[in-house]
Amino acid sequence: MTFAGSPVFWILVVLGVVSVIAYFERFFDLRRAQSDYRDFLDGVINILDSGNDAEALAVCDDAGVPVASVVATAIRHRDGSPEVLRESIDSQGRAEIGRLDRRLALLAIIGQIAPLIGLLGTIIGFAKAVMAADKGALVSRFDLVGATMEAIAAAGAGLVVAIAASVMYGSLRVRLDRIVVELEAAASQIFGYLVAKKGPAV
């Protein structure tokens, strides 16, 4: 058997393909989620200042980005107490972050288990080489080379998949963290604005 027929090698190939698909799916989704929240908030606040709350909600719904969803939630709960308003904003923010974070864990898991799967393939390959050598005095060179190549290929594939998955996970995590910071800033700004606009409780 040559290394190309190793089940472990092909498992690693499948994991590599899955990680690439997950990366691009998350990459494009996170890129769509990014926005200039300052300009967006300024526009919404200007509309709210004019007293057109329905238009402000329509602008948020049309934007279709996490910041807009958080701002829309704040507007819908603007008549509640500051505690209720804060909780509704935080809850929506957590929901948006959870949606953006989905499948990122898959890349992290692949990055962690790929070297272990590669090590398993290496052990299996060398075990086959030992068993081939133990068969008798006449050992097929093809069997020894095939088993050794199987071991080397599994180890190499495991490292390649792990490194690629870790790099992809890290790049997406940086992008997600930037969006989280923007969400928190937007949430604080709209909360402060709505509480100030409502005035002190009587």
C-alpha atoms as a PDB file:
ATOM      1  CA  MET A   1       0.000   0.000   0.000  1.00  0.00           C
ATOM      2  CA  THR A   2       1.286   3.443  -0.845  1.00  0.00           C
ATOM      3  CA  PHE A   3       0.761   6.481   1.343  1.00  0.00           C
ATOM      4  CA  ALA A   4      -1.883   7.851  -1.042  1.00  0.00           C
ATOM      5  CA  GLY A   5      -4.169   5.017   0.021  1.00  0.00           C
ATOM      6  CA  SER A   6      -3.817   5.679   3.746  1.00  0.00           C
ATOM      7  CA  PRO A   7      -7.213   6.296   5.399  1.00  0.00           C
ATOM      8  CA  VAL A   8      -5.571   8.701   7.869  1.00  0.00           C
ATOM      9  CA  PHE A   9      -4.069  10.737   5.025  1.00  0.00           C
ATOM     10  CA  TRP A  10      -7.455  11.096   3.355  1.00  0.00           C
ATOM     11  CA  ILE A  11      -9.108  12.007   6.640  1.00  0.00           C
ATOM     12  CA  LEU A  12      -6.615  14.859   6.895  1.00  0.00           C
ATOM     13  CA  VAL A  13      -7.334  15.881   3.306  1.00  0.00           C
ATOM     14  CA  VAL A  14     -11.053  16.042   4.120  1.00  0.00           C
ATOM     15  CA  LEU A  15     -10.334  18.095   7.243  1.00  0.00           C
ATOM     16  CA  GLY A  16      -8.228  20.468   5.156  1.00  0.00           C
ATOM     17  CA  VAL A  17     -11.037  20.948   2.644  1.00  0.00           C
ATOM     18  CA  VAL A  18     -13.576  21.479   5.440  1.00  0.00           C
ATOM     19  CA  SER A  19     -11.354  24.095   7.078  1.00  0.00           C
ATOM     20  CA  VAL A  20     -10.946  26.014   3.810  1.00  0.00           C
ATOM     21  CA  ILE A  21     -14.705  25.991   3.190  1.00  0.00           C
ATOM     22  CA  ALA A  22     -15.402  27.111   6.768  1.00  0.00           C
ATOM     23  CA  TYR A  23     -12.801  29.870   6.479  1.00  0.00           C
ATOM     24  CA  PHE A  24     -14.186  31.440   3.319  1.00  0.00           C
ATOM     25  CA  GLU A  25     -17.778  31.153   4.543  1.00  0.00           C
ATOM     26  CA  ARG A  26     -16.851  32.959   7.767  1.00  0.00           C
ATOM     27  CA  PHE A  27     -14.564  35.429   5.988  1.00  0.00           C
ATOM     28  CA  PHE A  28     -17.265  36.713   3.652  1.00  0.00           C
ATOM     29  CA  ASP A  29     -19.866  36.777   6.428  1.00  0.00           C
ATOM     30  CA  LEU A  30     -17.581  38.775   8.726  1.00  0.00           C
ATOM     31  CA  ARG A  31     -16.662  41.143   5.926  1.00  0.00           C
ATOM     32  CA  ARG A  32     -20.350  41.816   5.292  1.00  0.00           C
ATOM     33  CA  ALA A  33     -20.827  42.408   9.022  1.00  0.00           C
ATOM     34  CA  GLN A  34     -18.242  45.182   9.149  1.00  0.00           C
ATOM     35  CA  SER A  35     -19.454  48.749   8.761  1.00  0.00           C
ATOM     36  CA  ASP A  36     -18.533  52.321   9.619  1.00  0.00           C
ATOM     37  CA  TYR A  37     -20.586  52.383  12.803  1.00  0.00           C
ATOM     38  CA  ARG A  38     -19.798  56.025  13.574  1.00  0.00           C
ATOM     39  CA  ASP A  39     -21.333  57.342  10.368  1.00  0.00           C
ATOM     40  CA  PHE A  40     -24.221  54.915  10.705  1.00  0.00           C
ATOM     41  CA  LEU A  41     -24.958  55.978  14.272  1.00  0.00           C
ATOM     42  CA  ASP A  42     -24.678  59.664  13.410  1.00  0.00           C
ATOM     43  CA  GLY A  43     -27.239  59.180  10.660  1.00  0.00           C
ATOM     44  CA  VAL A  44     -29.646  57.261  12.904  1.00  0.00           C
ATOM     45  CA  ILE A  45     -29.299  59.788  15.720  1.00  0.00           C
ATOM     46  CA  ASN A  46     -30.021  62.642  13.329  1.00  0.00           C
ATOM     47  CA  ILE A  47     -33.208  60.865  12.259  1.00  0.00           C
ATOM     48  CA  LEU A  48     -34.185  60.247  15.889  1.00  0.00           C
ATOM     49  CA  ASP A  49     -33.565  63.905  16.693  1.00  0.00           C
ATOM     50  CA  SER A  50     -36.085  64.815  14.007  1.00  0.00           C
ATOM     51  CA  GLY A  51     -38.653  62.626  15.765  1.00  0.00           C
ATOM     52  CA  ASN A  52     -38.958  60.040  12.994  1.00  0.00           C
ATOM     53  CA  ASP A  53     -38.448  56.819  14.930  1.00  0.00           C
ATOM     54  CA  ALA A  54     -40.063  54.665  12.241  1.00  0.00           C
ATOM     55  CA  GLU A  55     -37.587  55.899   9.641  1.00  0.00           C
ATOM     56  CA  ALA A  56     -34.690  55.200  11.997  1.00  0.00           C
ATOM     57  CA  LEU A  57     -35.904  51.619  12.447  1.00  0.00           C
ATOM     58  CA  ALA A  58     -36.306  51.254   8.682  1.00  0.00           C
ATOM     59  CA  VAL A  59     -32.716  52.421   8.168  1.00  0.00           C
ATOM     60  CA  CYS A  60     -31.498  49.855  10.704  1.00  0.00           C
ATOM     61  CA  ASP A  61     -33.497  47.054   9.100  1.00  0.00           C
ATOM     62  CA  ASP A  62     -32.190  47.934   5.641  1.00  0.00           C
ATOM     63  CA  ALA A  63     -28.551  48.032   6.807  1.00  0.00           C
ATOM     64  CA  GLY A  64     -28.537  44.352   7.732  1.00  0.00           C
ATOM     65  CA  VAL A  65     -25.361  44.505   9.841  1.00  0.00           C
ATOM     66  CA  PRO A  66     -24.890  43.569  13.531  1.00  0.00           C
ATOM     67  CA  VAL A  67     -24.496  47.194  14.634  1.00  0.00           C
ATOM     68  CA  ALA A  68     -27.794  48.074  12.979  1.00  0.00           C
ATOM     69  CA  SER A  69     -29.512  45.151  14.704  1.00  0.00           C
ATOM     70  CA  VAL A  70     -28.274  46.307  18.121  1.00  0.00           C
ATOM     71  CA  VAL A  71     -29.301  49.915  17.447  1.00  0.00           C
ATOM     72  CA  ALA A  72     -32.745  48.793  16.256  1.00  0.00           C
ATOM     73  CA  THR A  73     -33.215  46.775  19.448  1.00  0.00           C
ATOM     74  CA  ALA A  74     -32.273  49.823  21.504  1.00  0.00           C
ATOM     75  CA  ILE A  75     -34.813  51.990  19.656  1.00  0.00           C
ATOM     76  CA  ARG A  76     -37.571  49.427  20.152  1.00  0.00           C
ATOM     77  CA  HIS A  77     -36.882  49.332  23.915  1.00  0.00           C
ATOM     78  CA  ARG A  78     -36.288  53.071  24.342  1.00  0.00           C
ATOM     79  CA  ASP A  79     -39.391  53.513  26.525  1.00  0.00           C
ATOM     80  CA  GLY A  80     -38.256  50.969  29.094  1.00  0.00           C
ATOM     81  CA  SER A  81     -36.123  51.632  32.147  1.00  0.00           C
ATOM     82  CA  PRO A  82     -32.353  52.067  31.708  1.00  0.00           C
ATOM     83  CA  GLU A  83     -31.900  48.573  33.133  1.00  0.00           C
ATOM     84  CA  VAL A  84     -34.314  47.035  30.648  1.00  0.00           C
ATOM     85  CA  LEU A  85     -32.762  49.021  27.814  1.00  0.00           C
ATOM     86  CA  ARG A  86     -29.239  47.914  28.762  1.00  0.00           C
ATOM     87  CA  GLU A  87     -30.266  44.269  29.094  1.00  0.00           C
ATOM     88  CA  SER A  88     -32.029  44.267  25.721  1.00  0.00           C
ATOM     89  CA  ILE A  89     -28.983  45.829  24.037  1.00  0.00           C
ATOM     90  CA  ASP A  90     -26.596  43.377  25.705  1.00  0.00           C
ATOM     91  CA  SER A  91     -28.793  40.402  24.841  1.00  0.00           C
ATOM     92  CA  GLN A  92     -28.982  41.379  21.175  1.00  0.00           C
ATOM     93  CA  GLY A  93     -25.242  42.045  21.102  1.00  0.00           C
ATOM     94  CA  ARG A  94     -24.520  38.583  22.492  1.00  0.00           C
ATOM     95  CA  ALA A  95     -26.844  37.042  19.920  1.00  0.00           C
ATOM     96  CA  GLU A  96     -25.074  38.824  17.075  1.00  0.00           C
ATOM     97  CA  ILE A  97     -21.638  37.842  18.352  1.00  0.00           C
ATOM     98  CA  GLY A  98     -22.776  34.239  18.762  1.00  0.00           C
ATOM     99  CA  ARG A  99     -24.004  34.186  15.169  1.00  0.00           C
ATOM    100  CA  LEU A 100     -20.724  35.588  13.886  1.00  0.00           C
ATOM    101  CA  ASP A 101     -18.683  33.223  16.036  1.00  0.00           C
ATOM    102  CA  ARG A 102     -20.322  30.061  14.738  1.00  0.00           C
ATOM    103  CA  ARG A 103     -18.018  27.663  12.932  1.00  0.00           C
ATOM    104  CA  LEU A 104     -14.927  29.506  14.161  1.00  0.00           C
ATOM    105  CA  ALA A 105     -14.651  26.800  16.798  1.00  0.00           C
ATOM    106  CA  LEU A 106     -14.502  24.236  13.979  1.00  0.00           C
ATOM    107  CA  LEU A 107     -11.263  25.763  12.689  1.00  0.00           C
ATOM    108  CA  ALA A 108      -9.796  25.798  16.195  1.00  0.00           C
ATOM    109  CA  ILE A 109     -10.695  22.136  16.724  1.00  0.00           C
ATOM    110  CA  ILE A 110      -9.215  21.103  13.369  1.00  0.00           C
ATOM    111  CA  GLY A 111      -6.034  22.991  14.209  1.00  0.00           C
ATOM    112  CA  GLN A 112      -5.760  21.072  17.479  1.00  0.00           C
ATOM    113  CA  ILE A 113      -6.610  17.549  16.337  1.00  0.00           C
ATOM    114  CA  ALA A 114      -4.868  17.497  12.935  1.00  0.00           C
ATOM    115  CA  PRO A 115      -1.352  16.940  14.388  1.00  0.00           C
ATOM    116  CA  LEU A 116      -2.720  14.158  16.597  1.00  0.00           C
ATOM    117  CA  ILE A 117      -4.375  12.460  13.642  1.00  0.00           C
ATOM    118  CA  GLY A 118      -1.121  12.866  11.699  1.00  0.00           C
ATOM    119  CA  LEU A 119       0.787  11.289  14.597  1.00  0.00           C
ATOM    120  CA  LEU A 120      -1.659   8.385  14.581  1.00  0.00           C
ATOM    121  CA  GLY A 121      -1.026   7.902  10.856  1.00  0.00           C
ATOM    122  CA  THR A 122       2.715   7.999  11.490  1.00  0.00           C
ATOM    123  CA  ILE A 123       2.473   5.308  14.150  1.00  0.00           C
ATOM    124  CA  ILE A 124       0.312   3.141  11.881  1.00  0.00           C
ATOM    125  CA  GLY A 125       2.753   3.587   8.990  1.00  0.00           C
ATOM    126  CA  PHE A 126       5.795   2.612  11.049  1.00  0.00           C
ATOM    127  CA  ALA A 127       3.895  -0.296  12.574  1.00  0.00           C
ATOM    128  CA  LYS A 128       3.226  -1.587   9.050  1.00  0.00           C
ATOM    129  CA  ALA A 129       6.916  -1.223   8.241  1.00  0.00           C
ATOM    130  CA  VAL A 130       7.877  -3.220  11.331  1.00  0.00           C
ATOM    131  CA  MET A 131       5.353  -5.932  10.542  1.00  0.00           C
ATOM    132  CA  ALA A 132       6.619  -6.107   6.940  1.00  0.00           C
ATOM    133  CA  ALA A 133      10.206  -6.500   8.167  1.00  0.00           C
ATOM    134  CA  ASP A 134       9.109  -9.208  10.608  1.00  0.00           C
ATOM    135  CA  LYS A 135       7.519 -11.362   7.922  1.00  0.00           C
ATOM    136  CA  GLY A 136      10.733 -13.089   6.997  1.00  0.00           C
ATOM    137  CA  ALA A 137      14.157 -12.783   5.465  1.00  0.00           C
ATOM    138  CA  LEU A 138      12.812 -11.643   2.094  1.00  0.00           C
ATOM    139  CA  VAL A 139      11.178  -8.286   2.667  1.00  0.00           C
ATOM    140  CA  SER A 140       9.673  -6.399  -0.196  1.00  0.00           C
ATOM    141  CA  ARG A 141      11.331  -3.043  -0.601  1.00  0.00           C
ATOM    142  CA  PHE A 142       8.023  -1.764  -1.908  1.00  0.00           C
ATOM    143  CA  ASP A 143       6.315  -2.695   1.371  1.00  0.00           C
ATOM    144  CA  LEU A 144       8.934  -0.939   3.491  1.00  0.00           C
ATOM    145  CA  VAL A 145       9.042   2.209   1.358  1.00  0.00           C
ATOM    146  CA  GLY A 146       5.255   2.323   1.084  1.00  0.00           C
ATOM    147  CA  ALA A 147       4.746   2.021   4.859  1.00  0.00           C
ATOM    148  CA  THR A 148       7.454   4.600   5.559  1.00  0.00           C
ATOM    149  CA  MET A 149       6.011   7.052   3.058  1.00  0.00           C
ATOM    150  CA  GLU A 150       2.587   6.509   4.577  1.00  0.00           C
ATOM    151  CA  ALA A 151       3.976   7.509   7.968  1.00  0.00           C
ATOM    152  CA  ILE A 152       5.789  10.575   6.605  1.00  0.00           C
ATOM    153  CA  ALA A 153       2.794  11.706   4.554  1.00  0.00           C
ATOM    154  CA  ALA A 154       0.447  11.447   7.531  1.00  0.00           C
ATOM    155  CA  ALA A 155       2.774  13.479   9.730  1.00  0.00           C
ATOM    156  CA  GLY A 156       3.285  16.116   7.046  1.00  0.00           C
ATOM    157  CA  ALA A 157      -0.409  16.373   6.199  1.00  0.00           C
ATOM    158  CA  GLY A 158      -1.279  16.717   9.863  1.00  0.00           C
ATOM    159  CA  LEU A 159       1.142  19.602  10.301  1.00  0.00           C
ATOM    160  CA  VAL A 160       0.055  21.356   7.092  1.00  0.00           C
ATOM    161  CA  VAL A 161      -3.635  21.160   8.001  1.00  0.00           C
ATOM    162  CA  ALA A 162      -2.970  22.257  11.582  1.00  0.00           C
ATOM    163  CA  ILE A 163      -0.860  25.246  10.560  1.00  0.00           C
ATOM    164  CA  ALA A 164      -3.329  26.343   7.879  1.00  0.00           C
ATOM    165  CA  ALA A 165      -6.342  25.978  10.195  1.00  0.00           C
ATOM    166  CA  SER A 166      -4.586  27.885  12.983  1.00  0.00           C
ATOM    167  CA  VAL A 167      -3.645  30.747  10.658  1.00  0.00           C
ATOM    168  CA  MET A 168      -7.179  30.938   9.254  1.00  0.00           C
ATOM    169  CA  TYR A 169      -8.680  30.850  12.734  1.00  0.00           C
ATOM    170  CA  GLY A 170      -6.351  33.582  13.947  1.00  0.00           C
ATOM    171  CA  SER A 171      -7.118  35.899  11.028  1.00  0.00           C
ATOM    172  CA  LEU A 172     -10.866  35.454  11.484  1.00  0.00           C
ATOM    173  CA  ARG A 173     -10.594  35.953  15.242  1.00  0.00           C
ATOM    174  CA  VAL A 174      -8.850  39.294  14.722  1.00  0.00           C
ATOM    175  CA  ARG A 175     -11.622  40.389  12.362  1.00  0.00           C
ATOM    176  CA  LEU A 176     -14.321  39.209  14.772  1.00  0.00           C
ATOM    177  CA  ASP A 177     -12.691  40.959  17.729  1.00  0.00           C
ATOM    178  CA  ARG A 178     -12.715  44.204  15.737  1.00  0.00           C
ATOM    179  CA  ILE A 179     -16.441  43.811  15.086  1.00  0.00           C
ATOM    180  CA  VAL A 180     -17.069  43.083  18.784  1.00  0.00           C
ATOM    181  CA  VAL A 181     -15.286  46.294  19.767  1.00  0.00           C
ATOM    182  CA  GLU A 182     -17.402  48.243  17.288  1.00  0.00           C
ATOM    183  CA  LEU A 183     -20.580  46.607  18.607  1.00  0.00           C
ATOM    184  CA  GLU A 184     -19.702  47.517  22.184  1.00  0.00           C
ATOM    185  CA  ALA A 185     -18.911  51.111  21.222  1.00  0.00           C
ATOM    186  CA  ALA A 186     -22.144  51.456  19.254  1.00  0.00           C
ATOM    187  CA  ALA A 187     -24.169  49.898  22.078  1.00  0.00           C
ATOM    188  CA  SER A 188     -22.711  52.301  24.639  1.00  0.00           C
ATOM    189  CA  GLN A 189     -23.287  55.296  22.388  1.00  0.00           C
ATOM    190  CA  ILE A 190     -26.923  54.529  21.539  1.00  0.00           C
ATOM    191  CA  PHE A 191     -27.651  53.634  25.174  1.00  0.00           C
ATOM    192  CA  GLY A 192     -26.228  56.919  26.400  1.00  0.00           C
ATOM    193  CA  TYR A 193     -28.105  58.864  23.746  1.00  0.00           C
ATOM    194  CA  LEU A 194     -31.492  57.263  24.463  1.00  0.00           C
ATOM    195  CA  VAL A 195     -31.135  57.606  28.247  1.00  0.00           C
ATOM    196  CA  ALA A 196     -30.119  61.259  27.897  1.00  0.00           C
ATOM    197  CA  LYS A 197     -32.962  61.949  25.455  1.00  0.00           C
ATOM    198  CA  LYS A 198     -35.478  60.370  27.824  1.00  0.00           C
ATOM    199  CA  GLY A 199     -34.350  62.615  30.629  1.00  0.00           C
ATOM    200  CA  PRO A 200     -34.274  61.929  34.374  1.00  0.00           C
ATOM    201  CA  ALA A 201     -36.965  59.716  35.832  1.00  0.00           C
ATOM    202  CA  VAL A 202     -39.724  61.594  37.604  1.00  0.00           C
END
